[in-house]
Protein backbone atom coordinates (compact mmCIF):
# COMPACT_ATOMS: atom_id res chain seq x y z
CA MET A 1 -10.69 -181.95 28.31
CA THR A 2 -13.40 -179.62 27.01
CA ALA A 3 -14.96 -180.69 23.72
CA PRO A 4 -14.61 -178.27 20.79
CA GLY A 5 -17.53 -175.87 20.64
CA ALA A 6 -18.58 -176.52 24.23
CA PRO A 7 -18.25 -172.90 25.47
CA ARG A 8 -20.20 -171.57 22.47
CA LEU A 9 -22.91 -174.21 22.83
CA ARG A 10 -23.32 -173.52 26.52
CA ALA A 11 -23.34 -169.77 25.96
CA ALA A 12 -26.05 -170.20 23.32
CA PHE A 13 -28.13 -172.27 25.72
CA ASP A 14 -27.91 -169.60 28.42
CA LEU A 15 -28.88 -166.85 25.97
CA LEU A 16 -31.84 -168.80 24.61
CA LEU A 17 -33.09 -169.74 28.06
CA ASP A 18 -32.80 -166.13 29.19
CA ARG A 19 -34.82 -164.94 26.18
CA TYR A 20 -37.53 -167.59 25.96
CA GLY A 21 -37.62 -169.19 29.40
CA PRO A 22 -38.34 -172.89 30.11
CA GLN A 23 -40.38 -174.50 27.33
CA GLY A 24 -41.98 -177.33 29.29
CA TRP A 25 -41.31 -180.03 26.72
CA TRP A 26 -42.40 -182.68 25.78
CA PRO A 27 -46.14 -182.01 25.96
CA GLY A 28 -47.67 -185.35 26.89
CA GLU A 29 -49.47 -186.76 29.92
CA THR A 30 -47.83 -190.20 29.79
CA PRO A 31 -44.71 -191.77 28.26
CA PHE A 32 -46.95 -193.58 25.78
CA GLU A 33 -48.52 -190.30 24.67
CA VAL A 34 -45.01 -188.92 24.16
CA MET A 35 -44.15 -191.93 21.98
CA VAL A 36 -47.29 -191.48 19.92
CA GLY A 37 -46.50 -187.79 19.51
CA ALA A 38 -42.97 -188.61 18.37
CA VAL A 39 -44.38 -190.62 15.47
CA LEU A 40 -47.17 -188.17 14.64
CA THR A 41 -44.85 -185.15 14.55
CA GLN A 42 -42.89 -186.55 11.63
CA ASN A 43 -43.10 -183.98 8.80
CA THR A 44 -45.80 -181.87 10.41
CA ALA A 45 -46.33 -179.03 12.88
CA TRP A 46 -47.00 -179.80 16.52
CA SER A 47 -50.38 -178.04 16.38
CA ASN A 48 -51.52 -180.74 13.95
CA VAL A 49 -50.23 -183.45 16.29
CA GLU A 50 -52.24 -181.98 19.16
CA ARG A 51 -55.41 -182.24 17.09
CA ALA A 52 -54.68 -185.85 16.20
CA ILE A 53 -53.95 -186.80 19.81
CA ALA A 54 -57.14 -185.04 20.91
CA ASN A 55 -59.05 -187.23 18.44
CA LEU A 56 -57.44 -190.36 19.89
CA LYS A 57 -58.34 -189.30 23.43
CA ARG A 58 -61.95 -188.49 22.50
CA ALA A 59 -62.27 -191.91 20.86
CA GLY A 60 -60.76 -193.58 23.94
CA VAL A 61 -58.04 -195.32 21.95
CA LEU A 62 -54.84 -193.73 23.28
CA SER A 63 -53.39 -197.08 24.38
CA CYS A 64 -51.49 -199.91 22.73
CA GLY A 65 -54.33 -202.39 22.98
CA ALA A 66 -56.95 -200.03 21.64
CA MET A 67 -54.79 -198.92 18.71
CA LEU A 68 -53.95 -202.48 17.76
CA ALA A 69 -57.64 -203.40 17.86
CA LEU A 70 -58.48 -200.74 15.30
CA ALA A 71 -58.41 -201.34 11.57
CA PRO A 72 -55.54 -199.31 10.09
CA GLU A 73 -57.98 -197.16 8.13
CA ALA A 74 -59.95 -196.36 11.30
CA LEU A 75 -56.78 -195.28 13.10
CA ALA A 76 -55.74 -193.29 10.04
CA ALA A 77 -59.03 -191.39 10.11
CA LEU A 78 -58.47 -190.37 13.73
CA ILE A 79 -54.93 -189.10 13.13
CA ARG A 80 -55.76 -187.40 9.83
CA PRO A 81 -54.87 -183.89 11.13
CA ALA A 82 -51.22 -184.98 11.51
CA GLY A 83 -50.84 -185.65 7.78
CA TYR A 84 -49.46 -188.77 6.07
CA PHE A 85 -52.14 -190.47 8.16
CA ASN A 86 -52.16 -193.82 6.35
CA VAL A 87 -48.38 -194.16 6.74
CA LYS A 88 -48.45 -193.00 10.35
CA ALA A 89 -51.26 -195.39 11.26
CA VAL A 90 -49.08 -198.29 10.13
CA ARG A 91 -46.12 -196.87 12.05
CA LEU A 92 -48.13 -196.37 15.23
CA GLN A 93 -49.39 -199.93 15.16
CA ALA A 94 -45.84 -201.19 14.56
CA LEU A 95 -44.70 -199.22 17.60
CA CYS A 96 -47.57 -200.65 19.65
CA ARG A 97 -46.71 -204.21 18.62
CA PHE A 98 -43.11 -203.56 19.61
CA LEU A 99 -44.17 -202.30 23.03
CA VAL A 100 -46.40 -205.29 23.65
CA GLU A 101 -43.83 -207.83 22.46
CA ALA A 102 -41.09 -206.16 24.52
CA GLY A 103 -43.14 -206.47 27.71
CA GLY A 104 -44.36 -202.89 28.02
CA GLU A 105 -42.82 -199.61 29.08
CA ALA A 106 -41.40 -200.93 32.36
CA ALA A 107 -39.48 -203.68 30.58
CA LEU A 108 -38.10 -201.20 28.06
CA ALA A 109 -37.13 -198.78 30.83
CA ALA A 110 -34.95 -201.51 32.34
CA ARG A 111 -32.81 -201.69 29.19
CA ASP A 112 -29.61 -199.70 28.85
CA THR A 113 -29.69 -196.72 26.52
CA PRO A 114 -27.70 -198.19 23.61
CA GLY A 115 -29.77 -201.36 23.66
CA LEU A 116 -33.05 -199.49 23.85
CA ARG A 117 -32.01 -197.18 21.03
CA THR A 118 -31.08 -200.13 18.82
CA ALA A 119 -34.42 -201.78 19.52
CA LEU A 120 -36.37 -198.61 18.71
CA LEU A 121 -34.49 -198.10 15.46
CA ALA A 122 -35.56 -201.60 14.40
CA VAL A 123 -39.24 -200.62 14.62
CA HIS A 124 -40.89 -199.83 11.28
CA GLY A 125 -41.07 -196.07 10.74
CA VAL A 126 -38.79 -195.14 13.65
CA GLY A 127 -35.71 -193.28 12.45
CA PRO A 128 -32.96 -191.68 14.54
CA GLU A 129 -34.85 -188.46 15.34
CA THR A 130 -38.03 -190.28 16.39
CA ALA A 131 -36.04 -192.81 18.42
CA ASP A 132 -34.16 -190.04 20.21
CA ASP A 133 -37.38 -188.11 20.88
CA ILE A 134 -38.68 -191.25 22.60
CA LEU A 135 -35.44 -191.90 24.47
CA LEU A 136 -35.11 -188.35 25.78
CA TYR A 137 -38.70 -187.38 26.46
CA ALA A 138 -40.40 -190.70 27.27
CA PHE A 139 -37.54 -192.54 29.00
CA GLY A 140 -35.38 -189.65 30.28
CA ARG A 141 -32.17 -190.81 28.60
CA PRO A 142 -29.28 -188.40 27.88
CA VAL A 143 -29.62 -188.46 24.10
CA PHE A 144 -29.60 -185.22 22.13
CA VAL A 145 -32.29 -184.91 19.47
CA VAL A 146 -31.11 -183.59 16.11
CA ASP A 147 -33.64 -182.07 13.74
CA ALA A 148 -33.58 -179.57 10.87
CA TYR A 149 -33.55 -176.71 13.37
CA THR A 150 -30.49 -178.13 15.14
CA ARG A 151 -28.66 -178.36 11.82
CA ARG A 152 -29.61 -174.84 10.75
CA ILE A 153 -28.75 -173.08 13.99
CA GLY A 154 -25.65 -175.20 14.60
CA ALA A 155 -24.34 -174.34 11.14
CA ARG A 156 -25.03 -170.61 11.54
CA LEU A 157 -23.19 -170.64 14.84
CA GLY A 158 -20.25 -172.37 13.16
CA LEU A 159 -20.57 -175.47 15.35
CA VAL A 160 -21.30 -177.90 12.52
CA ALA A 161 -21.33 -177.74 8.75
CA GLY A 162 -24.98 -178.75 8.80
CA ASP A 163 -24.77 -181.49 6.20
CA GLU A 164 -23.06 -184.12 8.37
CA GLY A 165 -24.75 -187.40 9.15
CA TYR A 166 -27.24 -187.46 12.01
CA GLU A 167 -24.96 -189.41 14.35
CA ILE A 168 -22.04 -187.04 13.88
CA ILE A 169 -24.10 -184.00 14.86
CA ARG A 170 -25.69 -185.85 17.78
CA ARG A 171 -22.30 -186.86 19.15
CA THR A 172 -20.96 -183.32 18.67
CA PHE A 173 -23.69 -181.86 20.86
CA GLU A 174 -23.52 -184.66 23.42
CA ALA A 175 -19.74 -184.39 23.76
CA ALA A 176 -19.89 -180.63 24.16
CA LEU A 177 -22.72 -180.57 26.69
CA GLY A 178 -22.10 -183.75 28.68
CA PRO A 179 -24.80 -186.33 29.57
CA ASP A 180 -27.41 -183.99 31.03
CA VAL A 181 -31.03 -185.03 30.43
CA ALA A 182 -32.48 -181.74 31.69
CA VAL A 183 -30.21 -179.65 29.47
CA PHE A 184 -30.81 -181.84 26.41
CA ASN A 185 -34.56 -181.64 27.01
CA GLU A 186 -34.61 -177.88 27.34
CA TYR A 187 -32.01 -177.17 24.66
CA HIS A 188 -33.87 -179.03 21.93
CA ALA A 189 -37.09 -177.21 22.79
CA LEU A 190 -35.31 -173.85 22.82
CA LEU A 191 -33.75 -174.48 19.41
CA VAL A 192 -37.19 -175.25 17.98
CA ARG A 193 -38.60 -172.05 19.50
CA HIS A 194 -35.67 -169.94 18.26
CA ALA A 195 -35.87 -171.40 14.75
CA LYS A 196 -39.50 -170.37 14.52
CA VAL A 197 -39.01 -166.87 15.93
CA HIS A 198 -35.65 -165.78 14.48
CA CYS A 199 -33.56 -168.46 12.79
CA ARG A 200 -35.87 -169.21 9.90
CA PRO A 201 -34.65 -170.29 6.45
CA ARG A 202 -34.64 -166.56 5.76
CA PRO A 203 -33.51 -165.38 9.19
CA ARG A 204 -34.89 -162.48 11.21
CA CYS A 205 -31.59 -161.32 12.64
CA GLU A 206 -32.81 -158.11 14.25
CA GLY A 207 -33.11 -158.68 17.98
CA CYS A 208 -31.71 -162.22 17.78
CA PRO A 209 -30.44 -163.35 21.19
CA LEU A 210 -27.61 -165.29 19.52
CA ALA A 211 -26.33 -162.38 17.43
CA THR A 212 -23.07 -162.13 19.38
CA LEU A 213 -22.29 -165.81 18.68
CA CYS A 214 -23.57 -166.08 15.13
CA SER A 215 -21.28 -166.24 12.12
CA PHE A 216 -24.06 -166.27 9.53
CA ASP A 217 -24.01 -163.51 6.91
CA PRO A 218 -27.57 -163.09 5.60
């Protein structure tokens, strides 16, 4: 049985991919770098995250051990470009402690997806969106990432109301698309790109590739 909204969601994916092409997400050389980026990108633009990660690389501290050896204020200074740097320094070190105590990335990769998700959500500063970023992009699990762009575009396409709880929207997309890591990976990236180009809070509807599917009346 086809989930409600599946044809529209799949049509939107095809239209976005045709317009923007593959996005090559998530930018990160290692799974650990992806995890760090998932924390740093909270409430900030990715360009700021790139600057913070570049600082960590230049300082030679882009590893669990090195980050845990730093004083929180020293780590905060390095990630300052990402904003909320004192808070994020604490969150990064909490994530590093979790990784060490869990036995490292290989041990976590051996866990099933529900168990790994539960464990990530128990880490200080890791909410559903950050956990799902890590699951999808660092561990290749079929978990759809929901962010403000997903809500906005999904609501304008009439797929969701937009104000539902995170888990409801996540399950809506997952049920409609099926457990496809590659599609989830690309779709999330395409939604981010589209939200920045056309589907802004005040949308730029002219030339929008989703115009034939959109029910939004600006």
